[in-house]
Amino acid sequence: MHMLLRSFIAVAILCASAAASEPYSRVVEKESGDIVLEMCTRTFVHPWGENPSVHLVSAIHIADQPYYASMQAQLNAYDTVLFEGVKPAGLDPIDPDLDDEAKVEATQDRLKLLTDIAQRYRITHGEFPQNMESLRKADDPRIAAIVDSIKHDAWGRVFATEHAVNITDDQKRSQVTFTSYGADQQRGGEGVNADISETAKHEFNDGDKPEKTPEGIQTQLANALRVSFQLDEMDTTNPGWINADMDINQLQHALSEYGDDSLAILDMLEGESFSAKIAGFVLGFVARSPQLSSMMKLVMMDMLALVETTNIMEQQEAMQAVIVDGRNDVVIEYLKDTIAKHPNYADIAIFYGAGHMPGLEEALVEMGYEPAGDTWAQAMTVNPKDTGLNEGQVKMMRNMIKSSLEQQMGR
């Protein structure tokens, strides 16, 4: 149970808000008896009306499906949405003014990203893509959008694609290779003119069982609580939506300055660590019981509200400095750039985890903005009766869990 609570806390830190005078998430008890987690949208306006209104839309990465449907409709109504999501390296546009050495590095990042996507394509389809077009037509529109944005090298040429299947000593190997012909766009060459290639490989035998794409702890948690995962529900490919975040290389580099322990949270969320695998096993057990699922969902809701009243962010220096403050700096730069480039915009939304909102609010106030009102949306709902416990037992259980969490959060 201790391991599971640590996993919950890791997710809660990314979902919930740091201590703030006005919260961005709250748990309320309705007259019907339902217990509801609500998330805030806080609107900010510039007193002289010179800049667009900015809406801080606090996100939660696991929630009831209707919440995401409501958020999609709300966000699509704004001129643009700056949304959270650590990006793979190579996804950002390449500056055409880079020198050739820098363009080689940028091209290598794109090639590595393409091979990662090709590997996931193979797991889903049973084979590597025959060409760039078949990779672009992947089942997930988000993947198609990524491929469209990275299918060119830094000199503007579409990567060459070579697909092959080889058999050696009854061992089969399939592979796909993506190639840039360098600065001179000719085969061969040296230095910045040399070919740059990355190959995705897979060795297999006939009859091998299909692989499964690994699930992160957030997906496992969503399944256990019988809720939805934001990445599965929200369409971020709409025009005007901008992935305003760090890429994974930037994030790992920033976290590495705080030691290996700070990098462990990435392994936890991606399901790679031993702790995540143990937590995943427990969550799989929880998912099979409607009563346990409702109980854990209630625990998660209380935890998200509890984080707001603690200083847990300040205790985790790397979390505060990199995961929160560092990424806040990135999205504020995106905001300033968007305002400068689109003076006609009336409404800009920042759709980020609630943990980022106090810092973003502070930055907006420094830019001259003032709060102009809150709206609340229901994110998760639990009827205590669904836990299989009576009212007194539910109250006792919640108090016990809160006490345990307060101890682990150092409150």
Protein backbone atom coordinates (compact mmCIF):
# COMPACT_ATOMS: atom_id res chain seq x y z
CA MET A 1 0.00 0.00 0.00
CA HIS A 2 2.92 2.32 0.80
CA MET A 3 4.24 1.85 -2.76
CA LEU A 4 0.82 2.66 -4.21
CA LEU A 5 0.52 5.83 -2.13
CA ARG A 6 3.94 6.95 -3.39
CA SER A 7 2.70 6.44 -6.95
CA PHE A 8 -0.48 8.38 -6.20
CA ILE A 9 1.59 11.22 -4.76
CA ALA A 10 3.83 11.31 -7.87
CA VAL A 11 0.77 11.67 -10.09
CA ALA A 12 -0.93 14.11 -7.72
CA ILE A 13 2.07 16.44 -7.72
CA LEU A 14 1.71 16.81 -11.50
CA CYS A 15 -2.09 17.11 -11.40
CA ALA A 16 -2.72 19.27 -8.38
CA SER A 17 -1.95 22.80 -7.41
CA ALA A 18 0.65 24.14 -5.05
CA ALA A 19 -0.52 26.18 -2.11
CA ALA A 20 -2.30 29.30 -3.33
CA SER A 21 -4.60 31.91 -1.83
CA GLU A 22 -7.36 30.94 -4.24
CA PRO A 23 -7.39 27.24 -5.21
CA TYR A 24 -7.56 25.77 -8.69
CA SER A 25 -9.11 22.51 -7.52
CA ARG A 26 -11.55 21.65 -4.75
CA VAL A 27 -13.60 18.75 -3.40
CA VAL A 28 -17.23 19.53 -2.60
CA GLU A 29 -20.00 17.42 -1.13
CA LYS A 30 -23.32 17.79 -2.94
CA GLU A 31 -26.77 17.59 -1.37
CA SER A 32 -27.29 14.39 -3.34
CA GLY A 33 -24.46 12.81 -1.35
CA ASP A 34 -22.04 12.79 -4.28
CA ILE A 35 -18.48 13.88 -3.60
CA VAL A 36 -17.12 15.91 -6.53
CA LEU A 37 -13.67 17.12 -7.58
CA GLU A 38 -13.97 20.43 -9.42
CA MET A 39 -11.34 22.20 -11.52
CA CYS A 40 -11.12 25.95 -12.02
CA THR A 41 -10.87 28.16 -15.09
CA ARG A 42 -9.67 31.61 -13.99
CA THR A 43 -9.92 34.48 -16.47
CA PHE A 44 -7.46 37.37 -16.52
CA VAL A 45 -7.90 40.67 -18.34
CA HIS A 46 -5.62 43.58 -19.07
CA PRO A 47 -7.04 46.75 -17.47
CA TRP A 48 -6.41 48.86 -20.56
CA GLY A 49 -7.82 46.25 -22.93
CA GLU A 50 -4.63 46.27 -24.97
CA ASN A 51 -4.03 42.52 -24.75
CA PRO A 52 -6.29 39.49 -25.15
CA SER A 53 -7.97 37.88 -22.18
CA VAL A 54 -6.00 34.93 -20.82
CA HIS A 55 -7.83 31.93 -19.38
CA LEU A 56 -5.93 29.63 -17.01
CA VAL A 57 -7.76 26.34 -17.55
CA SER A 58 -6.59 23.92 -14.88
CA ALA A 59 -6.21 20.42 -16.27
CA ILE A 60 -6.27 17.07 -14.56
CA HIS A 61 -4.73 14.17 -16.44
CA ILE A 62 -7.27 11.56 -15.32
CA ALA A 63 -10.97 12.39 -14.95
CA ASP A 64 -14.50 11.34 -15.85
CA GLN A 65 -14.99 11.32 -19.63
CA PRO A 66 -17.67 14.09 -19.66
CA TYR A 67 -15.13 16.49 -18.17
CA TYR A 68 -12.89 16.12 -21.23
CA ALA A 69 -15.81 16.53 -23.62
CA SER A 70 -16.72 19.76 -21.83
CA MET A 71 -13.12 21.00 -21.84
CA GLN A 72 -12.76 20.25 -25.55
CA ALA A 73 -15.78 22.39 -26.39
CA GLN A 74 -14.64 25.19 -24.07
CA LEU A 75 -11.08 25.29 -25.38
CA ASN A 76 -12.06 25.09 -29.05
CA ALA A 77 -13.93 28.38 -28.59
CA TYR A 78 -10.73 30.30 -27.82
CA ASP A 79 -8.49 31.84 -30.48
CA THR A 80 -5.61 29.61 -29.44
CA VAL A 81 -4.73 27.08 -26.74
CA LEU A 82 -1.26 26.71 -25.23
CA PHE A 83 -1.31 23.19 -23.85
CA GLU A 84 0.90 21.06 -21.63
CA GLY A 85 2.75 17.98 -22.78
CA VAL A 86 6.45 17.20 -22.62
CA LYS A 87 7.46 16.80 -26.25
CA PRO A 88 9.78 14.30 -27.85
CA ALA A 89 13.05 15.83 -29.00
CA GLY A 90 12.89 16.80 -32.66
CA LEU A 91 9.27 17.92 -32.69
CA ASP A 92 9.81 21.68 -32.66
CA PRO A 93 10.27 23.59 -35.93
CA ILE A 94 13.89 23.86 -37.05
CA ASP A 95 15.26 27.40 -37.36
CA PRO A 96 16.32 27.82 -41.02
CA ASP A 97 19.06 30.23 -39.89
CA LEU A 98 20.97 27.52 -38.02
CA ASP A 99 24.44 26.71 -39.33
CA ASP A 100 24.96 23.32 -40.98
CA GLU A 101 26.51 21.72 -37.86
CA ALA A 102 23.43 22.63 -35.80
CA LYS A 103 21.18 21.41 -38.61
CA VAL A 104 22.89 18.01 -38.47
CA GLU A 105 22.03 17.74 -34.75
CA ALA A 106 18.44 18.84 -35.35
CA THR A 107 18.10 16.31 -38.17
CA GLN A 108 19.42 13.54 -35.93
CA ASP A 109 16.78 14.36 -33.29
CA ARG A 110 14.05 14.10 -35.94
CA LEU A 111 15.39 10.80 -37.23
CA LYS A 112 15.40 9.32 -33.72
CA LEU A 113 11.82 10.47 -33.21
CA LEU A 114 10.76 8.94 -36.54
CA THR A 115 12.28 5.58 -35.60
CA ASP A 116 10.48 5.68 -32.23
CA ILE A 117 7.19 6.30 -34.04
CA ALA A 118 7.99 3.51 -36.50
CA GLN A 119 8.54 1.08 -33.60
CA ARG A 120 5.17 1.96 -32.13
CA TYR A 121 3.63 1.57 -35.58
CA ARG A 122 5.11 -1.93 -35.77
CA ILE A 123 3.65 -2.91 -32.40
CA THR A 124 0.22 -1.70 -33.49
CA HIS A 125 0.24 -3.00 -37.09
CA GLY A 126 2.56 -6.01 -36.85
CA GLU A 127 5.07 -4.60 -39.34
CA PHE A 128 7.11 -1.50 -40.04
CA PRO A 129 5.65 1.18 -42.36
CA GLN A 130 6.50 0.69 -46.03
CA ASN A 131 7.08 4.41 -46.52
CA MET A 132 6.54 7.81 -44.96
CA GLU A 133 2.97 8.02 -46.25
CA SER A 134 1.91 4.80 -44.56
CA LEU A 135 3.49 6.03 -41.31
CA ARG A 136 1.63 9.32 -41.68
CA LYS A 137 -1.66 7.46 -42.09
CA ALA A 138 -1.33 5.85 -38.65
CA ASP A 139 -4.52 5.21 -36.70
CA ASP A 140 -3.89 8.02 -34.23
CA PRO A 141 -4.40 11.51 -35.76
CA ARG A 142 -1.90 12.91 -33.24
CA ILE A 143 0.80 10.67 -34.70
CA ALA A 144 -0.13 11.72 -38.21
CA ALA A 145 0.21 15.38 -37.21
CA ILE A 146 3.65 14.70 -35.71
CA VAL A 147 4.86 12.86 -38.81
CA ASP A 148 3.65 15.71 -41.00
CA SER A 149 5.67 18.16 -38.93
CA ILE A 150 8.95 16.16 -38.83
CA LYS A 151 9.13 14.36 -42.20
CA HIS A 152 11.64 16.91 -43.55
CA ASP A 153 15.29 17.23 -42.59
CA ALA A 154 16.78 20.55 -41.47
CA TRP A 155 17.45 21.51 -45.12
CA GLY A 156 13.78 21.04 -46.06
CA ARG A 157 13.98 17.67 -47.87
CA VAL A 158 11.68 14.74 -47.10
CA PHE A 159 13.56 11.86 -45.49
CA ALA A 160 14.21 8.88 -47.75
CA THR A 161 12.60 5.66 -46.46
CA GLU A 162 13.88 2.12 -47.02
CA HIS A 163 11.94 -0.92 -45.79
CA ALA A 164 13.46 -4.41 -45.70
CA VAL A 165 12.87 -7.93 -44.32
CA ASN A 166 15.84 -10.31 -44.06
CA ILE A 167 16.05 -13.99 -43.07
CA THR A 168 19.30 -15.38 -41.59
CA ASP A 169 19.50 -18.88 -40.03
CA ASP A 170 15.72 -19.01 -39.68
CA GLN A 171 15.81 -15.70 -37.78
CA LYS A 172 13.76 -12.95 -39.38
CA ARG A 173 14.66 -9.30 -39.13
CA SER A 174 12.52 -6.46 -40.36
CA GLN A 175 13.70 -2.90 -40.40
CA VAL A 176 12.96 0.55 -41.73
CA THR A 177 15.63 3.19 -42.31
CA PHE A 178 15.09 6.94 -42.61
CA THR A 179 17.85 8.95 -44.28
CA SER A 180 18.83 12.55 -44.91
CA TYR A 181 21.49 13.20 -47.54
CA GLY A 182 23.00 16.06 -45.55
CA ALA A 183 23.70 19.65 -46.45
CA ASP A 184 24.48 18.98 -50.11
CA GLN A 185 21.46 16.67 -50.53
CA GLN A 186 23.65 14.16 -52.41
CA ARG A 187 24.38 10.54 -51.47
CA GLY A 188 27.65 10.05 -49.62
CA GLY A 189 29.86 12.94 -48.67
CA GLU A 190 31.75 13.94 -45.56
CA GLY A 191 31.18 16.26 -42.60
CA VAL A 192 27.93 18.20 -42.88
CA ASN A 193 27.42 16.67 -46.36
CA ALA A 194 27.48 13.08 -45.05
CA ASP A 195 24.33 10.95 -45.09
CA ILE A 196 22.49 10.82 -41.75
CA SER A 197 20.46 7.67 -41.05
CA GLU A 198 18.52 6.00 -38.24
CA THR A 199 17.18 2.44 -38.43
CA ALA A 200 14.39 0.79 -36.46
CA LYS A 201 14.94 -2.99 -36.23
CA HIS A 202 12.96 -5.97 -35.00
CA GLU A 203 14.05 -9.62 -34.82
CA PHE A 204 11.32 -12.23 -34.59
CA ASN A 205 10.25 -15.80 -35.27
CA ASP A 206 7.00 -17.00 -36.79
CA GLY A 207 4.47 -17.52 -34.04
CA ASP A 208 5.82 -14.82 -31.73
CA LYS A 209 3.06 -13.32 -29.59
CA PRO A 210 2.02 -9.74 -30.38
CA GLU A 211 3.63 -7.08 -28.22
CA LYS A 212 1.74 -4.56 -26.18
CA THR A 213 2.58 -0.88 -26.01
CA PRO A 214 3.71 -0.21 -22.42
CA GLU A 215 1.32 1.81 -20.28
CA GLY A 216 2.43 4.64 -18.04
CA ILE A 217 1.30 4.81 -14.44
CA GLN A 218 -1.26 7.50 -15.29
CA THR A 219 -2.98 5.23 -17.83
CA GLN A 220 -2.95 2.35 -15.34
CA LEU A 221 -4.40 4.64 -12.70
CA ALA A 222 -7.15 5.82 -15.06
CA ASN A 223 -8.07 2.21 -15.82
CA ALA A 224 -8.14 1.29 -12.14
CA LEU A 225 -10.37 4.23 -11.21
CA ARG A 226 -12.63 3.64 -14.24
CA VAL A 227 -12.03 7.13 -15.53
CA SER A 228 -10.45 8.47 -18.71
CA PHE A 229 -6.91 9.56 -19.53
CA GLN A 230 -6.53 13.06 -20.95
CA LEU A 231 -4.30 11.99 -23.86
CA ASP A 232 -6.94 9.50 -24.98
CA GLU A 233 -9.80 12.00 -24.86
CA MET A 234 -8.52 15.42 -25.92
CA ASP A 235 -7.93 16.34 -29.56
CA THR A 236 -4.86 18.57 -29.56
CA THR A 237 -4.45 18.54 -33.35
CA ASN A 238 -7.02 21.31 -33.87
CA PRO A 239 -5.75 24.48 -35.58
CA GLY A 240 -4.61 27.01 -33.01
CA TRP A 241 -3.54 24.44 -30.42
CA ILE A 242 0.16 24.84 -29.56
CA ASN A 243 2.22 22.35 -27.58
CA ALA A 244 3.87 24.96 -25.33
CA ASP A 245 6.22 22.85 -23.26
CA MET A 246 9.78 21.55 -22.94
CA ASP A 247 10.98 18.59 -24.93
CA ILE A 248 12.16 15.44 -23.16
CA ASN A 249 15.87 16.22 -23.70
CA GLN A 250 15.48 19.65 -22.12
CA LEU A 251 13.55 18.19 -19.21
CA GLN A 252 16.00 15.36 -18.56
CA HIS A 253 18.96 17.73 -18.77
CA ALA A 254 17.35 20.13 -16.30
CA LEU A 255 16.44 17.33 -13.87
CA SER A 256 19.88 15.73 -14.12
CA GLU A 257 21.36 18.79 -12.43
CA TYR A 258 19.48 17.72 -9.29
CA GLY A 259 20.75 14.12 -9.34
CA ASP A 260 19.51 10.70 -10.38
CA ASP A 261 16.74 10.71 -7.78
CA SER A 262 15.07 13.58 -9.60
CA LEU A 263 14.98 11.59 -12.83
CA ALA A 264 13.14 8.74 -11.08
CA ILE A 265 9.77 10.46 -11.43
CA LEU A 266 10.00 10.18 -15.23
CA ASP A 267 10.54 6.42 -14.92
CA MET A 268 7.60 6.23 -12.52
CA LEU A 269 5.20 8.04 -14.86
CA GLU A 270 6.41 6.07 -17.90
CA GLY A 271 5.99 2.75 -16.09
CA GLU A 272 9.68 1.83 -16.43
CA SER A 273 10.74 1.68 -12.78
CA PHE A 274 10.36 -1.24 -10.40
CA SER A 275 8.14 0.94 -8.20
CA ALA A 276 5.85 1.66 -11.15
CA LYS A 277 5.58 -2.04 -11.98
CA ILE A 278 4.60 -2.91 -8.39
CA ALA A 279 2.09 -0.06 -8.34
CA GLY A 280 0.75 -1.23 -11.72
CA PHE A 281 0.17 -4.72 -10.32
CA VAL A 282 -1.81 -3.29 -7.39
CA LEU A 283 -3.82 -1.02 -9.69
CA GLY A 284 -4.68 -4.00 -11.87
CA PHE A 285 -6.12 -5.69 -8.80
CA VAL A 286 -8.09 -2.55 -7.88
CA ALA A 287 -9.53 -2.31 -11.41
CA ARG A 288 -11.28 -5.67 -11.01
CA SER A 289 -13.39 -4.47 -8.08
CA PRO A 290 -16.03 -1.72 -8.53
CA GLN A 291 -15.98 -1.06 -4.77
CA LEU A 292 -12.19 -0.77 -4.56
CA SER A 293 -12.19 1.36 -7.69
CA SER A 294 -14.69 3.83 -6.18
CA MET A 295 -12.76 3.90 -2.91
CA MET A 296 -9.45 4.63 -4.63
CA LYS A 297 -11.07 7.29 -6.78
CA LEU A 298 -12.30 9.01 -3.63
CA VAL A 299 -8.79 8.79 -2.15
CA MET A 300 -7.33 10.36 -5.31
CA MET A 301 -9.82 13.24 -5.16
CA ASP A 302 -9.02 13.94 -1.49
CA MET A 303 -5.32 13.79 -2.28
CA LEU A 304 -5.57 16.36 -5.05
CA ALA A 305 -7.33 18.75 -2.68
CA LEU A 306 -4.85 17.99 0.12
CA VAL A 307 -1.80 18.83 -1.99
CA GLU A 308 -3.09 22.40 -2.30
CA THR A 309 -2.82 22.87 1.48
CA THR A 310 0.75 21.55 1.79
CA ASN A 311 4.20 22.83 0.87
CA ILE A 312 5.19 19.55 -0.80
CA MET A 313 6.35 21.36 -3.94
CA GLU A 314 8.81 23.44 -1.94
CA GLN A 315 10.15 20.26 -0.31
CA GLN A 316 10.92 18.79 -3.74
CA GLU A 317 13.47 21.25 -5.12
CA ALA A 318 13.78 19.63 -8.56
CA MET A 319 10.01 19.32 -8.91
CA GLN A 320 9.50 22.99 -8.11
CA ALA A 321 12.45 24.35 -10.09
CA VAL A 322 12.12 22.19 -13.23
CA ILE A 323 8.76 20.44 -13.47
CA VAL A 324 6.82 23.53 -12.36
CA ASP A 325 8.84 26.76 -12.59
CA GLY A 326 10.96 25.79 -15.59
CA ARG A 327 8.00 24.71 -17.68
CA ASN A 328 6.01 27.75 -16.55
CA ASP A 329 8.79 29.94 -17.97
CA VAL A 330 8.43 28.11 -21.29
CA VAL A 331 4.66 28.58 -21.58
CA ILE A 332 4.90 32.27 -20.60
CA GLU A 333 7.40 32.80 -23.43
CA TYR A 334 4.93 31.10 -25.79
CA LEU A 335 2.20 33.40 -24.46
CA LYS A 336 4.23 36.56 -25.00
CA ASP A 337 5.20 35.43 -28.50
CA THR A 338 1.56 34.64 -29.37
CA ILE A 339 0.36 38.04 -28.13
CA ALA A 340 3.06 39.79 -30.18
CA LYS A 341 2.32 37.85 -33.36
CA HIS A 342 -1.49 37.91 -33.11
CA PRO A 343 -2.66 41.31 -31.80
CA ASN A 344 -6.18 40.53 -33.07
CA TYR A 345 -6.68 37.59 -30.70
CA ALA A 346 -9.37 38.14 -28.07
CA ASP A 347 -8.96 34.98 -25.95
CA ILE A 348 -5.94 32.80 -25.24
CA ALA A 349 -6.17 29.70 -23.06
CA ILE A 350 -3.37 28.04 -21.11
CA PHE A 351 -4.41 24.42 -20.53
CA TYR A 352 -1.94 23.11 -17.98
CA GLY A 353 -1.98 20.95 -14.87
CA ALA A 354 -3.34 22.77 -11.84
CA GLY A 355 0.08 22.56 -10.17
CA HIS A 356 1.35 25.16 -12.62
CA MET A 357 -1.43 27.68 -12.09
CA PRO A 358 -0.23 29.66 -9.04
CA GLY A 359 3.07 30.40 -10.79
CA LEU A 360 1.37 31.24 -14.07
CA GLU A 361 -1.04 33.52 -12.24
CA GLU A 362 1.89 35.34 -10.64
CA ALA A 363 3.52 35.79 -14.07
CA LEU A 364 0.28 37.18 -15.53
CA VAL A 365 -0.01 39.70 -12.71
CA GLU A 366 3.56 40.81 -13.42
CA MET A 367 2.47 41.34 -17.05
CA GLY A 368 -0.24 43.70 -15.84
CA TYR A 369 -3.17 41.27 -15.89
CA GLU A 370 -5.91 41.15 -13.25
CA PRO A 371 -8.23 38.25 -12.30
CA ALA A 372 -11.76 38.68 -13.66
CA GLY A 373 -13.68 35.65 -12.43
CA ASP A 374 -13.72 31.88 -11.97
CA THR A 375 -15.78 29.06 -13.42
CA TRP A 376 -15.73 25.48 -12.13
CA ALA A 377 -16.11 22.18 -13.95
CA GLN A 378 -16.82 18.75 -12.47
CA ALA A 379 -13.86 16.48 -13.11
CA MET A 380 -14.58 13.40 -10.99
CA THR A 381 -17.63 12.26 -9.05
CA VAL A 382 -18.04 9.47 -6.52
CA ASN A 383 -21.15 8.35 -4.69
CA PRO A 384 -19.89 7.01 -1.34
CA LYS A 385 -22.45 4.21 -1.52
CA ASP A 386 -20.50 2.77 -4.47
CA THR A 387 -17.57 1.99 -2.14
CA GLY A 388 -19.65 -0.68 -0.39
CA LEU A 389 -19.19 1.10 2.95
CA ASN A 390 -21.69 2.96 5.09
CA GLU A 391 -21.45 6.69 5.75
CA GLY A 392 -19.48 6.30 8.99
CA GLN A 393 -17.06 3.83 7.47
CA VAL A 394 -16.43 6.12 4.48
CA LYS A 395 -15.70 9.04 6.80
CA MET A 396 -13.32 6.94 8.90
CA MET A 397 -11.57 5.60 5.80
CA ARG A 398 -11.08 9.09 4.36
CA ASN A 399 -9.68 10.41 7.63
CA MET A 400 -7.23 7.50 7.90
CA ILE A 401 -6.02 7.96 4.34
CA LYS A 402 -5.69 11.74 4.80
CA SER A 403 -3.64 11.20 7.94
CA SER A 404 -1.32 8.79 6.12
CA LEU A 405 -0.94 11.16 3.19
CA GLU A 406 -0.24 14.12 5.45
CA GLN A 407 2.60 12.17 7.06
CA GLN A 408 4.11 11.26 3.68
CA MET A 409 3.73 14.81 2.39
CA GLY A 410 5.42 16.17 5.50
CA ARG A 411 2.50 18.35 6.45
